Amino acid sequence: MLPDSLDENPMGSWRNERRDQAVAAFTGRIPALYAEEIALPADVAAWADCADQAPTSLFVWGPLGVGKTHTAWRAARRWIAAQFAGDYRGTPVVQTWRSTALFDALRPDSEGGTPKKLMRDLQTANLLYIDDLAAARVSPSGWTQERLYEIFDERYVNRLPVLVTSDVKPNQISHIVGERVTSRAAEIFRGGVVHLAGSDRRQGGAS
């Protein structure tokens, strides 16, 4: 559910229109599997609404099939709408990536890609959503961890929000992301770690 309409004055109407356009554009990016509206857990909804005292970033973790990715896509959509409250005049830029695809795209030899520009986009987007972070393939040379550090350190310094899903807690993925990213993550996601419990819906566990 999106926030109520903003004030019905010329500026409020303009923001309403911009908000609806931004939400519609993002909705068009949501994979069909996650298109259905769902109820968000209270702490996820508070983050998405940018409520007072809500954390800037969110780390959603839990076992396979409990709806982490669905929750994150819908939360990101709601987050976009919340950006148009107050005096916001821009259009939020949201980068959304599955971890495995992200690192393929960042490789210098990525086909048709521009890794340096992508890195800058990842560092500066208004919101960065990385799905299934623990699935990232670890490079023996430490390449994966170095790229993650570049991303997380820049966003940490500039206090830019990050939305992550994972099947393990943030303090249990240091073997994948490295100690430096784990240290940054402890601060970035302070107060914003959400555990989703339940059965694997893909195996018929959902009621």
C-alpha atoms as a PDB file:
ATOM      1  CA  MET A   1       0.000   0.000   0.000  1.00  0.00           C
ATOM      2  CA  LEU A   2       1.351   3.416  -0.972  1.00  0.00           C
ATOM      3  CA  PRO A   3       1.215   6.467   1.283  1.00  0.00           C
ATOM      4  CA  ASP A   4      -1.830   8.715   1.162  1.00  0.00           C
ATOM      5  CA  SER A   5      -1.814  11.513  -1.386  1.00  0.00           C
ATOM      6  CA  LEU A   6       0.292  14.525  -0.578  1.00  0.00           C
ATOM      7  CA  ASP A   7      -1.260  17.945   0.005  1.00  0.00           C
ATOM      8  CA  GLU A   8      -3.581  18.904  -2.818  1.00  0.00           C
ATOM      9  CA  ASN A   9      -1.883  22.185  -3.696  1.00  0.00           C
ATOM     10  CA  PRO A  10       0.063  22.864  -6.927  1.00  0.00           C
ATOM     11  CA  MET A  11       3.357  21.629  -5.469  1.00  0.00           C
ATOM     12  CA  GLY A  12       1.690  18.666  -3.784  1.00  0.00           C
ATOM     13  CA  SER A  13      -0.095  17.709  -7.002  1.00  0.00           C
ATOM     14  CA  TRP A  14       3.198  17.913  -8.875  1.00  0.00           C
ATOM     15  CA  ARG A  15       4.863  15.650  -6.328  1.00  0.00           C
ATOM     16  CA  ASN A  16       1.934  13.236  -6.504  1.00  0.00           C
ATOM     17  CA  GLU A  17       2.381  12.990 -10.247  1.00  0.00           C
ATOM     18  CA  ARG A  18       6.139  12.503  -9.999  1.00  0.00           C
ATOM     19  CA  ARG A  19       5.656   9.906  -7.276  1.00  0.00           C
ATOM     20  CA  ASP A  20       3.128   7.947  -9.296  1.00  0.00           C
ATOM     21  CA  GLN A  21       5.406   8.010 -12.340  1.00  0.00           C
ATOM     22  CA  ALA A  22       8.405   6.821 -10.337  1.00  0.00           C
ATOM     23  CA  VAL A  23       6.432   4.040  -8.660  1.00  0.00           C
ATOM     24  CA  ALA A  24       4.942   2.931 -11.984  1.00  0.00           C
ATOM     25  CA  ALA A  25       8.377   2.830 -13.613  1.00  0.00           C
ATOM     26  CA  PHE A  26       9.780   0.728 -10.789  1.00  0.00           C
ATOM     27  CA  THR A  27       6.733  -1.537 -10.778  1.00  0.00           C
ATOM     28  CA  GLY A  28       7.487  -2.324 -14.404  1.00  0.00           C
ATOM     29  CA  ARG A  29      10.898  -3.649 -13.327  1.00  0.00           C
ATOM     30  CA  ILE A  30       9.545  -6.031 -10.702  1.00  0.00           C
ATOM     31  CA  PRO A  31       9.739  -9.658 -11.902  1.00  0.00           C
ATOM     32  CA  ALA A  32       6.336 -11.229 -12.492  1.00  0.00           C
ATOM     33  CA  LEU A  33       6.892 -13.699  -9.671  1.00  0.00           C
ATOM     34  CA  TYR A  34       6.968 -10.817  -7.171  1.00  0.00           C
ATOM     35  CA  ALA A  35       4.308  -8.585  -8.725  1.00  0.00           C
ATOM     36  CA  GLU A  36       1.619  -9.493  -6.195  1.00  0.00           C
ATOM     37  CA  GLU A  37       1.074  -7.011  -3.385  1.00  0.00           C
ATOM     38  CA  ILE A  38       1.903  -8.549  -0.006  1.00  0.00           C
ATOM     39  CA  ALA A  39       1.718  -7.427   3.594  1.00  0.00           C
ATOM     40  CA  LEU A  40       5.113  -6.338   4.841  1.00  0.00           C
ATOM     41  CA  PRO A  41       6.394  -7.107   8.338  1.00  0.00           C
ATOM     42  CA  ALA A  42       6.075  -4.067  10.587  1.00  0.00           C
ATOM     43  CA  ASP A  43       9.808  -3.348  10.764  1.00  0.00           C
ATOM     44  CA  VAL A  44      10.174  -3.675   6.990  1.00  0.00           C
ATOM     45  CA  ALA A  45       7.203  -1.357   6.453  1.00  0.00           C
ATOM     46  CA  ALA A  46       8.716   1.185   8.854  1.00  0.00           C
ATOM     47  CA  TRP A  47      11.944   1.160   6.844  1.00  0.00           C
ATOM     48  CA  ALA A  48      10.056   1.470   3.542  1.00  0.00           C
ATOM     49  CA  ASP A  49       8.032   4.403   4.886  1.00  0.00           C
ATOM     50  CA  CYS A  50      11.190   6.102   6.191  1.00  0.00           C
ATOM     51  CA  ALA A  51       9.468   6.335   9.545  1.00  0.00           C
ATOM     52  CA  ASP A  52      11.000   8.214  12.456  1.00  0.00           C
ATOM     53  CA  GLN A  53      13.686   6.113  14.159  1.00  0.00           C
ATOM     54  CA  ALA A  54      13.655   3.586  11.298  1.00  0.00           C
ATOM     55  CA  PRO A  55      17.105   2.423  10.152  1.00  0.00           C
ATOM     56  CA  THR A  56      18.549   3.786   6.928  1.00  0.00           C
ATOM     57  CA  SER A  57      19.408   0.338   5.544  1.00  0.00           C
ATOM     58  CA  LEU A  58      17.778  -3.075   5.780  1.00  0.00           C
ATOM     59  CA  PHE A  59      19.162  -6.622   5.823  1.00  0.00           C
ATOM     60  CA  VAL A  60      16.432  -9.248   5.373  1.00  0.00           C
ATOM     61  CA  TRP A  61      17.547 -12.790   6.119  1.00  0.00           C
ATOM     62  CA  GLY A  62      15.996 -16.188   6.629  1.00  0.00           C
ATOM     63  CA  PRO A  63      15.877 -19.717   5.230  1.00  0.00           C
ATOM     64  CA  LEU A  64      15.198 -20.488   1.592  1.00  0.00           C
ATOM     65  CA  GLY A  65      11.712 -19.878   0.276  1.00  0.00           C
ATOM     66  CA  VAL A  66      10.262 -17.693   3.050  1.00  0.00           C
ATOM     67  CA  GLY A  67       9.663 -14.692   0.783  1.00  0.00           C
ATOM     68  CA  LYS A  68      12.740 -12.532   1.311  1.00  0.00           C
ATOM     69  CA  THR A  69      13.037 -11.453  -2.314  1.00  0.00           C
ATOM     70  CA  HIS A  70       9.306 -10.785  -2.658  1.00  0.00           C
ATOM     71  CA  THR A  71       9.408  -8.741   0.528  1.00  0.00           C
ATOM     72  CA  ALA A  72      12.405  -6.740  -0.670  1.00  0.00           C
ATOM     73  CA  TRP A  73      10.944  -5.873  -4.079  1.00  0.00           C
ATOM     74  CA  ARG A  74       7.682  -4.669  -2.532  1.00  0.00           C
ATOM     75  CA  ALA A  75       9.533  -2.768   0.189  1.00  0.00           C
ATOM     76  CA  ALA A  76      11.710  -1.004  -2.383  1.00  0.00           C
ATOM     77  CA  ARG A  77       8.601   0.040  -4.303  1.00  0.00           C
ATOM     78  CA  ARG A  78       7.085   1.473  -1.145  1.00  0.00           C
ATOM     79  CA  TRP A  79      10.384   3.187  -0.279  1.00  0.00           C
ATOM     80  CA  ILE A  80      10.306   5.040  -3.597  1.00  0.00           C
ATOM     81  CA  ALA A  81       6.850   6.437  -2.845  1.00  0.00           C
ATOM     82  CA  ALA A  82       7.991   7.598   0.582  1.00  0.00           C
ATOM     83  CA  GLN A  83      10.770   9.708  -0.949  1.00  0.00           C
ATOM     84  CA  PHE A  84       8.227  12.205  -2.287  1.00  0.00           C
ATOM     85  CA  ALA A  85       7.118  13.396   1.134  1.00  0.00           C
ATOM     86  CA  GLY A  86       8.337  16.780   2.292  1.00  0.00           C
ATOM     87  CA  ASP A  87      10.381  18.894  -0.112  1.00  0.00           C
ATOM     88  CA  TYR A  88      11.869  16.114  -2.228  1.00  0.00           C
ATOM     89  CA  ARG A  89      12.075  17.270  -5.863  1.00  0.00           C
ATOM     90  CA  GLY A  90      14.065  14.546  -7.603  1.00  0.00           C
ATOM     91  CA  THR A  91      13.324  11.034  -8.824  1.00  0.00           C
ATOM     92  CA  PRO A  92      14.942   8.263  -6.758  1.00  0.00           C
ATOM     93  CA  VAL A  93      17.486   6.135  -8.585  1.00  0.00           C
ATOM     94  CA  VAL A  94      17.318   2.490  -7.474  1.00  0.00           C
ATOM     95  CA  GLN A  95      19.876  -0.105  -8.506  1.00  0.00           C
ATOM     96  CA  THR A  96      18.552  -3.679  -8.192  1.00  0.00           C
ATOM     97  CA  TRP A  97      20.844  -6.675  -8.645  1.00  0.00           C
ATOM     98  CA  ARG A  98      21.048 -10.357  -7.870  1.00  0.00           C
ATOM     99  CA  SER A  99      24.528 -10.832  -6.445  1.00  0.00           C
ATOM    100  CA  THR A 100      25.722 -13.349  -9.034  1.00  0.00           C
ATOM    101  CA  ALA A 101      24.670 -11.148 -11.960  1.00  0.00           C
ATOM    102  CA  LEU A 102      26.174  -8.088 -10.301  1.00  0.00           C
ATOM    103  CA  PHE A 103      29.697  -9.456 -10.176  1.00  0.00           C
ATOM    104  CA  ASP A 104      29.490 -10.805 -13.702  1.00  0.00           C
ATOM    105  CA  ALA A 105      28.583  -7.288 -14.852  1.00  0.00           C
ATOM    106  CA  LEU A 106      31.453  -5.719 -12.898  1.00  0.00           C
ATOM    107  CA  ARG A 107      34.148  -7.865 -14.502  1.00  0.00           C
ATOM    108  CA  PRO A 108      36.464  -5.949 -16.856  1.00  0.00           C
ATOM    109  CA  ASP A 109      35.701  -8.419 -19.643  1.00  0.00           C
ATOM    110  CA  SER A 110      31.913  -8.250 -19.223  1.00  0.00           C
ATOM    111  CA  GLU A 111      30.284  -8.364 -22.638  1.00  0.00           C
ATOM    112  CA  GLY A 112      29.081  -4.952 -23.760  1.00  0.00           C
ATOM    113  CA  GLY A 113      29.444  -3.592 -20.248  1.00  0.00           C
ATOM    114  CA  THR A 114      30.952  -0.492 -18.712  1.00  0.00           C
ATOM    115  CA  PRO A 115      32.150  -1.769 -15.306  1.00  0.00           C
ATOM    116  CA  LYS A 116      33.593   1.547 -14.123  1.00  0.00           C
ATOM    117  CA  LYS A 117      30.344   3.397 -14.779  1.00  0.00           C
ATOM    118  CA  LEU A 118      28.362   0.583 -13.171  1.00  0.00           C
ATOM    119  CA  MET A 119      30.548   0.750 -10.072  1.00  0.00           C
ATOM    120  CA  ARG A 120      29.920   4.465  -9.771  1.00  0.00           C
ATOM    121  CA  ASP A 121      26.191   3.919 -10.226  1.00  0.00           C
ATOM    122  CA  LEU A 122      26.224   1.295  -7.478  1.00  0.00           C
ATOM    123  CA  GLN A 123      28.074   3.651  -5.160  1.00  0.00           C
ATOM    124  CA  THR A 124      25.827   6.663  -5.726  1.00  0.00           C
ATOM    125  CA  ALA A 125      22.290   5.348  -6.394  1.00  0.00           C
ATOM    126  CA  ASN A 126      19.678   6.596  -3.948  1.00  0.00           C
ATOM    127  CA  LEU A 127      18.995   2.970  -3.028  1.00  0.00           C
ATOM    128  CA  LEU A 128      21.006  -0.171  -3.769  1.00  0.00           C
ATOM    129  CA  TYR A 129      19.195  -3.513  -3.526  1.00  0.00           C
ATOM    130  CA  ILE A 130      21.339  -6.668  -3.680  1.00  0.00           C
ATOM    131  CA  ASP A 131      19.396  -9.919  -3.662  1.00  0.00           C
ATOM    132  CA  ASP A 132      20.833 -13.131  -2.203  1.00  0.00           C
ATOM    133  CA  LEU A 133      24.164 -11.657  -1.182  1.00  0.00           C
ATOM    134  CA  ALA A 134      25.426 -14.943   0.259  1.00  0.00           C
ATOM    135  CA  ALA A 135      25.155 -16.529  -3.199  1.00  0.00           C
ATOM    136  CA  ALA A 136      27.993 -14.423  -4.576  1.00  0.00           C
ATOM    137  CA  ARG A 137      30.778 -16.524  -5.997  1.00  0.00           C
ATOM    138  CA  VAL A 138      34.006 -15.938  -4.088  1.00  0.00           C
ATOM    139  CA  SER A 139      37.057 -15.224  -6.207  1.00  0.00           C
ATOM    140  CA  PRO A 140      40.255 -16.910  -4.977  1.00  0.00           C
ATOM    141  CA  SER A 141      42.109 -13.682  -5.731  1.00  0.00           C
ATOM    142  CA  GLY A 142      39.803 -11.652  -3.485  1.00  0.00           C
ATOM    143  CA  TRP A 143      38.366  -9.772  -6.475  1.00  0.00           C
ATOM    144  CA  THR A 144      34.751 -10.206  -5.330  1.00  0.00           C
ATOM    145  CA  GLN A 145      35.494  -8.922  -1.853  1.00  0.00           C
ATOM    146  CA  GLU A 146      37.389  -5.917  -3.200  1.00  0.00           C
ATOM    147  CA  ARG A 147      34.463  -4.909  -5.421  1.00  0.00           C
ATOM    148  CA  LEU A 148      32.045  -5.284  -2.514  1.00  0.00           C
ATOM    149  CA  TYR A 149      34.264  -3.150  -0.335  1.00  0.00           C
ATOM    150  CA  GLU A 150      34.333  -0.406  -2.977  1.00  0.00           C
ATOM    151  CA  ILE A 151      30.543  -0.425  -3.043  1.00  0.00           C
ATOM    152  CA  PHE A 152      29.851  -0.661   0.673  1.00  0.00           C
ATOM    153  CA  ASP A 153      32.567   1.733   1.799  1.00  0.00           C
ATOM    154  CA  GLU A 154      31.394   4.518  -0.509  1.00  0.00           C
ATOM    155  CA  ARG A 155      27.783   4.090   0.540  1.00  0.00           C
ATOM    156  CA  TYR A 156      28.789   3.864   4.205  1.00  0.00           C
ATOM    157  CA  VAL A 157      30.721   7.134   4.022  1.00  0.00           C
ATOM    158  CA  ASN A 158      27.836   8.934   2.318  1.00  0.00           C
ATOM    159  CA  ARG A 159      25.108   7.311   4.452  1.00  0.00           C
ATOM    160  CA  LEU A 160      23.269   5.954   1.414  1.00  0.00           C
ATOM    161  CA  PRO A 161      20.745   3.156   2.040  1.00  0.00           C
ATOM    162  CA  VAL A 162      21.320  -0.467   1.142  1.00  0.00           C
ATOM    163  CA  LEU A 163      18.706  -3.217   0.973  1.00  0.00           C
ATOM    164  CA  VAL A 164      20.034  -6.775   1.113  1.00  0.00           C
ATOM    165  CA  THR A 165      18.507 -10.251   1.243  1.00  0.00           C
ATOM    166  CA  SER A 166      20.429 -13.299   2.369  1.00  0.00           C
ATOM    167  CA  ASP A 167      19.826 -16.781   3.701  1.00  0.00           C
ATOM    168  CA  VAL A 168      22.282 -16.150   6.565  1.00  0.00           C
ATOM    169  CA  LYS A 169      22.846 -13.375   9.094  1.00  0.00           C
ATOM    170  CA  PRO A 170      25.100 -10.451   8.134  1.00  0.00           C
ATOM    171  CA  ASN A 171      27.752 -11.592  10.622  1.00  0.00           C
ATOM    172  CA  GLN A 172      27.906 -15.037   9.015  1.00  0.00           C
ATOM    173  CA  ILE A 173      29.013 -14.071   5.506  1.00  0.00           C
ATOM    174  CA  SER A 174      32.511 -12.757   6.176  1.00  0.00           C
ATOM    175  CA  HIS A 175      33.956 -15.715   4.235  1.00  0.00           C
ATOM    176  CA  ILE A 176      32.116 -14.343   1.186  1.00  0.00           C
ATOM    177  CA  VAL A 177      32.237 -10.575   1.585  1.00  0.00           C
ATOM    178  CA  GLY A 178      35.456 -10.252   3.580  1.00  0.00           C
ATOM    179  CA  GLU A 179      36.206  -8.834   7.004  1.00  0.00           C
ATOM    180  CA  ARG A 180      36.212  -5.200   5.878  1.00  0.00           C
ATOM    181  CA  VAL A 181      32.727  -5.409   4.382  1.00  0.00           C
ATOM    182  CA  THR A 182      31.499  -7.349   7.414  1.00  0.00           C
ATOM    183  CA  SER A 183      32.749  -4.511   9.610  1.00  0.00           C
ATOM    184  CA  ARG A 184      31.020  -1.885   7.462  1.00  0.00           C
ATOM    185  CA  ALA A 185      27.825  -3.970   7.365  1.00  0.00           C
ATOM    186  CA  ALA A 186      27.682  -4.083  11.167  1.00  0.00           C
ATOM    187  CA  GLU A 187      27.291  -0.306  11.159  1.00  0.00           C
ATOM    188  CA  ILE A 188      25.271   0.074   7.956  1.00  0.00           C
ATOM    189  CA  PHE A 189      22.589  -2.386   9.077  1.00  0.00           C
ATOM    190  CA  ARG A 190      22.575  -1.512  12.775  1.00  0.00           C
ATOM    191  CA  GLY A 191      18.968  -1.789  13.933  1.00  0.00           C
ATOM    192  CA  GLY A 192      17.895  -2.909  10.473  1.00  0.00           C
ATOM    193  CA  VAL A 193      18.379  -6.683  10.509  1.00  0.00           C
ATOM    194  CA  VAL A 194      15.073  -8.479   9.932  1.00  0.00           C
ATOM    195  CA  HIS A 195      14.601 -12.233  10.238  1.00  0.00           C
ATOM    196  CA  LEU A 196      11.879 -13.855   8.144  1.00  0.00           C
ATOM    197  CA  ALA A 197      10.915 -17.276   9.453  1.00  0.00           C
ATOM    198  CA  GLY A 198       8.676 -19.974   8.051  1.00  0.00           C
ATOM    199  CA  SER A 199       8.574 -22.933   5.690  1.00  0.00           C
ATOM    200  CA  ASP A 200       9.800 -23.040   2.122  1.00  0.00           C
ATOM    201  CA  ARG A 201       6.844 -21.783   0.081  1.00  0.00           C
ATOM    202  CA  ARG A 202       8.288 -23.347  -3.049  1.00  0.00           C
ATOM    203  CA  GLN A 203       7.876 -26.750  -1.399  1.00  0.00           C
ATOM    204  CA  GLY A 204       4.247 -26.107  -0.483  1.00  0.00           C
ATOM    205  CA  GLY A 205       5.017 -24.846   2.994  1.00  0.00           C
ATOM    206  CA  ALA A 206       2.917 -21.700   2.659  1.00  0.00           C
ATOM    207  CA  SER A 207      -0.643 -21.917   3.834  1.00  0.00           C
END
